[in-house]
PDB file of N, CA and C in Angstrom:
ATOM      1  N   MET A   1      -9.990  -2.963   3.309  1.00  0.00           N
ATOM      2  CA  MET A   1     -11.218  -2.324   2.876  1.00  0.00           C
ATOM      3  C   MET A   1     -12.041  -1.964   4.107  1.00  0.00           C
ATOM      4  N   ASP A   2     -12.643  -0.837   4.049  1.00  0.00           N
ATOM      5  CA  ASP A   2     -13.419  -0.328   5.177  1.00  0.00           C
ATOM      6  C   ASP A   2     -14.777  -1.029   5.250  1.00  0.00           C
ATOM      7  N   ILE A   3     -15.111  -1.548   6.432  1.00  0.00           N
ATOM      8  CA  ILE A   3     -16.368  -2.281   6.601  1.00  0.00           C
ATOM      9  C   ILE A   3     -17.573  -1.350   6.457  1.00  0.00           C
ATOM     10  N   ASN A   4     -17.399  -0.073   6.782  1.00  0.00           N
ATOM     11  CA  ASN A   4     -18.503   0.882   6.646  1.00  0.00           C
ATOM     12  C   ASN A   4     -18.921   1.047   5.185  1.00  0.00           C
ATOM     13  N   LEU A   5     -17.955   0.996   4.298  1.00  0.00           N
ATOM     14  CA  LEU A   5     -18.257   1.097   2.866  1.00  0.00           C
ATOM     15  C   LEU A   5     -19.111  -0.080   2.410  1.00  0.00           C
ATOM     16  N   ILE A   6     -18.798  -1.258   2.911  1.00  0.00           N
ATOM     17  CA  ILE A   6     -19.582  -2.441   2.550  1.00  0.00           C
ATOM     18  C   ILE A   6     -21.010  -2.310   3.061  1.00  0.00           C
ATOM     19  N   PHE A   7     -21.174  -1.817   4.287  1.00  0.00           N
ATOM     20  CA  PHE A   7     -22.515  -1.628   4.839  1.00  0.00           C
ATOM     21  C   PHE A   7     -23.295  -0.566   4.072  1.00  0.00           C
ATOM     22  N   LYS A   8     -22.621   0.502   3.646  1.00  0.00           N
ATOM     23  CA  LYS A   8     -23.297   1.530   2.857  1.00  0.00           C
ATOM     24  C   LYS A   8     -23.799   0.965   1.533  1.00  0.00           C
ATOM     25  N   ILE A   9     -22.948   0.189   0.869  1.00  0.00           N
ATOM     26  CA  ILE A   9     -23.330  -0.403  -0.412  1.00  0.00           C
ATOM     27  C   ILE A   9     -24.493  -1.383  -0.220  1.00  0.00           C
ATOM     28  N   ALA A  10     -24.430  -2.191   0.835  1.00  0.00           N
ATOM     29  CA  ALA A  10     -25.517  -3.139   1.102  1.00  0.00           C
ATOM     30  C   ALA A  10     -26.815  -2.402   1.409  1.00  0.00           C
ATOM     31  N   GLY A  11     -26.732  -1.328   2.187  1.00  0.00           N
ATOM     32  CA  GLY A  11     -27.925  -0.550   2.514  1.00  0.00           C
ATOM     33  C   GLY A  11     -28.554   0.077   1.284  1.00  0.00           C
ATOM     34  N   ILE A  12     -27.722   0.635   0.432  1.00  0.00           N
ATOM     35  CA  ILE A  12     -28.230   1.229  -0.805  1.00  0.00           C
ATOM     36  C   ILE A  12     -28.862   0.155  -1.683  1.00  0.00           C
ATOM     37  N   GLY A  13     -28.254  -1.022  -1.738  1.00  0.00           N
ATOM     38  CA  GLY A  13     -28.807  -2.114  -2.530  1.00  0.00           C
ATOM     39  C   GLY A  13     -30.160  -2.580  -2.019  1.00  0.00           C
ATOM     40  N   ILE A  14     -30.293  -2.683  -0.698  1.00  0.00           N
ATOM     41  CA  ILE A  14     -31.564  -3.118  -0.120  1.00  0.00           C
ATOM     42  C   ILE A  14     -32.655  -2.084  -0.369  1.00  0.00           C
ATOM     43  N   ILE A  15     -32.335  -0.813  -0.138  1.00  0.00           N
ATOM     44  CA  ILE A  15     -33.321   0.254  -0.357  1.00  0.00           C
ATOM     45  C   ILE A  15     -33.736   0.315  -1.823  1.00  0.00           C
ATOM     46  N   THR A  16     -32.768   0.200  -2.717  1.00  0.00           N
ATOM     47  CA  THR A  16     -33.069   0.232  -4.146  1.00  0.00           C
ATOM     48  C   THR A  16     -33.937  -0.952  -4.556  1.00  0.00           C
ATOM     49  N   ALA A  17     -33.630  -2.125  -4.036  1.00  0.00           N
ATOM     50  CA  ALA A  17     -34.414  -3.310  -4.383  1.00  0.00           C
ATOM     51  C   ALA A  17     -35.854  -3.191  -3.896  1.00  0.00           C
ATOM     52  N   VAL A  18     -36.039  -2.697  -2.678  1.00  0.00           N
ATOM     53  CA  VAL A  18     -37.392  -2.541  -2.141  1.00  0.00           C
ATOM     54  C   VAL A  18     -38.180  -1.506  -2.940  1.00  0.00           C
ATOM     55  N   LEU A  19     -37.554  -0.365  -3.225  1.00  0.00           N
ATOM     56  CA  LEU A  19     -38.239   0.662  -4.008  1.00  0.00           C
ATOM     57  C   LEU A  19     -38.597   0.160  -5.402  1.00  0.00           C
ATOM     58  N   SER A  20     -37.680  -0.567  -6.009  1.00  0.00           N
ATOM     59  CA  SER A  20     -37.947  -1.108  -7.344  1.00  0.00           C
ATOM     60  C   SER A  20     -39.097  -2.098  -7.308  1.00  0.00           C
ATOM     61  N   LEU A  21     -39.119  -2.957  -6.305  1.00  0.00           N
ATOM     62  CA  LEU A  21     -40.195  -3.939  -6.177  1.00  0.00           C
ATOM     63  C   LEU A  21     -41.554  -3.260  -5.975  1.00  0.00           C
ATOM     64  N   VAL A  22     -41.591  -2.236  -5.120  1.00  0.00           N
ATOM     65  CA  VAL A  22     -42.840  -1.512  -4.875  1.00  0.00           C
ATOM     66  C   VAL A  22     -43.322  -0.820  -6.145  1.00  0.00           C
ATOM     67  N   LEU A  23     -42.403  -0.202  -6.868  1.00  0.00           N
ATOM     68  CA  LEU A  23     -42.790   0.488  -8.095  1.00  0.00           C
ATOM     69  C   LEU A  23     -43.262  -0.482  -9.174  1.00  0.00           C
ATOM     70  N   LYS A  24     -42.639  -1.660  -9.253  1.00  0.00           N
ATOM     71  CA  LYS A  24     -43.092  -2.650 -10.238  1.00  0.00           C
ATOM     72  C   LYS A  24     -44.479  -3.171  -9.896  1.00  0.00           C
ATOM     73  N   LYS A  25     -44.757  -3.350  -8.610  1.00  0.00           N
ATOM     74  CA  LYS A  25     -46.098  -3.803  -8.206  1.00  0.00           C
ATOM     75  C   LYS A  25     -47.150  -2.737  -8.503  1.00  0.00           C
ATOM     76  N   ALA A  26     -46.748  -1.468  -8.512  1.00  0.00           N
ATOM     77  CA  ALA A  26     -47.658  -0.374  -8.825  1.00  0.00           C
ATOM     78  C   ALA A  26     -47.716  -0.105 -10.332  1.00  0.00           C
ATOM     79  N   GLU A  27     -47.112  -1.009 -11.107  1.00  0.00           N
ATOM     80  CA  GLU A  27     -47.073  -0.915 -12.566  1.00  0.00           C
ATOM     81  C   GLU A  27     -46.413   0.369 -13.056  1.00  0.00           C
ATOM     82  N   ARG A  28     -45.363   0.747 -12.405  1.00  0.00           N
ATOM     83  CA  ARG A  28     -44.552   1.894 -12.821  1.00  0.00           C
ATOM     84  C   ARG A  28     -43.140   1.382 -13.136  1.00  0.00           C
ATOM     85  N   ASP A  29     -43.068   0.641 -14.225  1.00  0.00           N
ATOM     86  CA  ASP A  29     -41.821  -0.020 -14.590  1.00  0.00           C
ATOM     87  C   ASP A  29     -40.707   0.963 -14.940  1.00  0.00           C
ATOM     88  N   GLU A  30     -41.056   2.068 -15.584  1.00  0.00           N
ATOM     89  CA  GLU A  30     -40.037   3.049 -15.963  1.00  0.00           C
ATOM     90  C   GLU A  30     -39.387   3.673 -14.729  1.00  0.00           C
ATOM     91  N   GLN A  31     -40.204   4.024 -13.747  1.00  0.00           N
ATOM     92  CA  GLN A  31     -39.657   4.605 -12.521  1.00  0.00           C
ATOM     93  C   GLN A  31     -38.842   3.572 -11.744  1.00  0.00           C
ATOM     94  N   ALA A  32     -39.244   2.308 -11.803  1.00  0.00           N
ATOM     95  CA  ALA A  32     -38.490   1.251 -11.132  1.00  0.00           C
ATOM     96  C   ALA A  32     -37.102   1.105 -11.751  1.00  0.00           C
ATOM     97  N   MET A  33     -37.036   1.174 -13.070  1.00  0.00           N
ATOM     98  CA  MET A  33     -35.749   1.075 -13.737  1.00  0.00           C
ATOM     99  C   MET A  33     -34.874   2.286 -13.423  1.00  0.00           C
ATOM    100  N   MET A  34     -35.469   3.473 -13.388  1.00  0.00           N
ATOM    101  CA  MET A  34     -34.704   4.677 -13.061  1.00  0.00           C
ATOM    102  C   MET A  34     -34.199   4.627 -11.620  1.00  0.00           C
ATOM    103  N   THR A  35     -34.990   4.067 -10.719  1.00  0.00           N
ATOM    104  CA  THR A  35     -34.556   3.918  -9.329  1.00  0.00           C
ATOM    105  C   THR A  35     -33.360   2.983  -9.243  1.00  0.00           C
ATOM    106  N   THR A  36     -33.410   1.895  -9.982  1.00  0.00           N
ATOM    107  CA  THR A  36     -32.295   0.952  -9.996  1.00  0.00           C
ATOM    108  C   THR A  36     -31.040   1.607 -10.556  1.00  0.00           C
ATOM    109  N   LEU A  37     -31.182   2.356 -11.630  1.00  0.00           N
ATOM    110  CA  LEU A  37     -30.026   3.052 -12.208  1.00  0.00           C
ATOM    111  C   LEU A  37     -29.465   4.097 -11.257  1.00  0.00           C
ATOM    112  N   ALA A  38     -30.348   4.805 -10.553  1.00  0.00           N
ATOM    113  CA  ALA A  38     -29.888   5.806  -9.589  1.00  0.00           C
ATOM    114  C   ALA A  38     -29.105   5.141  -8.464  1.00  0.00           C
ATOM    115  N   GLY A  39     -29.569   3.994  -7.992  1.00  0.00           N
ATOM    116  CA  GLY A  39     -28.835   3.263  -6.961  1.00  0.00           C
ATOM    117  C   GLY A  39     -27.472   2.825  -7.443  1.00  0.00           C
ATOM    118  N   LEU A  40     -27.399   2.362  -8.677  1.00  0.00           N
ATOM    119  CA  LEU A  40     -26.119   1.954  -9.252  1.00  0.00           C
ATOM    120  C   LEU A  40     -25.162   3.130  -9.362  1.00  0.00           C
ATOM    121  N   ILE A  41     -25.656   4.276  -9.774  1.00  0.00           N
ATOM    122  CA  ILE A  41     -24.812   5.470  -9.908  1.00  0.00           C
ATOM    123  C   ILE A  41     -24.293   5.923  -8.552  1.00  0.00           C
ATOM    124  N   VAL A  42     -25.136   5.875  -7.531  1.00  0.00           N
ATOM    125  CA  VAL A  42     -24.707   6.265  -6.186  1.00  0.00           C
ATOM    126  C   VAL A  42     -23.595   5.336  -5.697  1.00  0.00           C
ATOM    127  N   VAL A  43     -23.748   4.038  -5.909  1.00  0.00           N
ATOM    128  CA  VAL A  43     -22.724   3.086  -5.480  1.00  0.00           C
ATOM    129  C   VAL A  43     -21.420   3.317  -6.251  1.00  0.00           C
ATOM    130  N   LEU A  44     -21.525   3.558  -7.541  1.00  0.00           N
ATOM    131  CA  LEU A  44     -20.311   3.818  -8.327  1.00  0.00           C
ATOM    132  C   LEU A  44     -19.608   5.091  -7.876  1.00  0.00           C
ATOM    133  N   MET A  45     -20.372   6.095  -7.478  1.00  0.00           N
ATOM    134  CA  MET A  45     -19.751   7.321  -6.980  1.00  0.00           C
ATOM    135  C   MET A  45     -19.037   7.066  -5.657  1.00  0.00           C
ATOM    136  N   LEU A  46     -19.562   6.162  -4.843  1.00  0.00           N
ATOM    137  CA  LEU A  46     -18.881   5.799  -3.605  1.00  0.00           C
ATOM    138  C   LEU A  46     -17.578   5.054  -3.879  1.00  0.00           C
ATOM    139  N   LEU A  47     -17.533   4.327  -4.986  1.00  0.00           N
ATOM    140  CA  LEU A  47     -16.387   3.479  -5.288  1.00  0.00           C
ATOM    141  C   LEU A  47     -15.323   4.124  -6.169  1.00  0.00           C
ATOM    142  N   ILE A  48     -15.551   5.327  -6.634  1.00  0.00           N
ATOM    143  CA  ILE A  48     -14.605   5.957  -7.567  1.00  0.00           C
ATOM    144  C   ILE A  48     -13.203   6.060  -6.970  1.00  0.00           C
ATOM    145  N   ASP A  49     -13.094   6.480  -5.731  1.00  0.00           N
ATOM    146  CA  ASP A  49     -11.778   6.603  -5.098  1.00  0.00           C
ATOM    147  C   ASP A  49     -11.100   5.239  -4.962  1.00  0.00           C
ATOM    148  N   ARG A  50     -11.861   4.239  -4.585  1.00  0.00           N
ATOM    149  CA  ARG A  50     -11.297   2.889  -4.428  1.00  0.00           C
ATOM    150  C   ARG A  50     -10.831   2.334  -5.774  1.00  0.00           C
ATOM    151  N   ILE A  51     -11.556   2.615  -6.840  1.00  0.00           N
ATOM    152  CA  ILE A  51     -11.157   2.145  -8.168  1.00  0.00           C
ATOM    153  C   ILE A  51      -9.864   2.843  -8.593  1.00  0.00           C
ATOM    154  N   GLY A  52      -9.738   4.134  -8.274  1.00  0.00           N
ATOM    155  CA  GLY A  52      -8.500   4.852  -8.565  1.00  0.00           C
ATOM    156  C   GLY A  52      -7.317   4.268  -7.816  1.00  0.00           C
ATOM    157  N   GLU A  53      -7.528   3.918  -6.551  1.00  0.00           N
ATOM    158  CA  GLU A  53      -6.466   3.275  -5.769  1.00  0.00           C
ATOM    159  C   GLU A  53      -6.083   1.922  -6.364  1.00  0.00           C
ATOM    160  N   LEU A  54      -7.084   1.167  -6.836  1.00  0.00           N
ATOM    161  CA  LEU A  54      -6.815  -0.132  -7.455  1.00  0.00           C
ATOM    162  C   LEU A  54      -5.934   0.031  -8.688  1.00  0.00           C
ATOM    163  N   PHE A  55      -6.253   0.995  -9.560  1.00  0.00           N
ATOM    164  CA  PHE A  55      -5.444   1.207 -10.756  1.00  0.00           C
ATOM    165  C   PHE A  55      -4.030   1.659 -10.405  1.00  0.00           C
ATOM    166  N   SER A  56      -3.899   2.487  -9.388  1.00  0.00           N
ATOM    167  CA  SER A  56      -2.566   2.908  -8.953  1.00  0.00           C
ATOM    168  C   SER A  56      -1.751   1.726  -8.448  1.00  0.00           C
ATOM    169  N   THR A  57      -2.378   0.848  -7.708  1.00  0.00           N
ATOM    170  CA  THR A  57      -1.693  -0.331  -7.188  1.00  0.00           C
ATOM    171  C   THR A  57      -1.272  -1.272  -8.329  1.00  0.00           C
ATOM    172  N   VAL A  58      -2.157  -1.456  -9.297  1.00  0.00           N
ATOM    173  CA  VAL A  58      -1.834  -2.314 -10.430  1.00  0.00           C
ATOM    174  C   VAL A  58      -0.661  -1.728 -11.219  1.00  0.00           C
ATOM    175  N   LYS A  59      -0.666  -0.411 -11.418  1.00  0.00           N
ATOM    176  CA  LYS A  59       0.450   0.237 -12.115  1.00  0.00           C
ATOM    177  C   LYS A  59       1.749   0.039 -11.353  1.00  0.00           C
ATOM    178  N   ALA A  60       1.697   0.183 -10.023  1.00  0.00           N
ATOM    179  CA  ALA A  60       2.912   0.033  -9.217  1.00  0.00           C
ATOM    180  C   ALA A  60       3.409  -1.412  -9.247  1.00  0.00           C
ATOM    181  N   VAL A  61       2.521  -2.367  -9.220  1.00  0.00           N
ATOM    182  CA  VAL A  61       2.929  -3.775  -9.206  1.00  0.00           C
ATOM    183  C   VAL A  61       3.578  -4.154 -10.531  1.00  0.00           C
ATOM    184  N   PHE A  62       2.994  -3.743 -11.637  1.00  0.00           N
ATOM    185  CA  PHE A  62       3.522  -4.113 -12.937  1.00  0.00           C
ATOM    186  C   PHE A  62       4.521  -3.111 -13.498  1.00  0.00           C
ATOM    187  N   GLY A  63       4.784  -2.038 -12.776  1.00  0.00           N
ATOM    188  CA  GLY A  63       5.768  -1.059 -13.204  1.00  0.00           C
ATOM    189  C   GLY A  63       5.405  -0.322 -14.475  1.00  0.00           C
ATOM    190  N   LEU A  64       4.144   0.000 -14.632  1.00  0.00           N
ATOM    191  CA  LEU A  64       3.694   0.698 -15.848  1.00  0.00           C
ATOM    192  C   LEU A  64       3.798   2.188 -15.699  1.00  0.00           C
TER     193      LEU A  64
END
């Protein structure tokens, strides 16, 4: 696994957490939740290729 991918995911998580915390303190709970969801979607888009590789490997191992 590429270490840069881990750092990208950690960076996105930290930025999302800080933004969510700031928005909650400003009593903007809806925007805080949308920020968290946007961060999750960005991370999932980064992981789509890796998830595809995982399924291919599982298929090859079990001969499906």
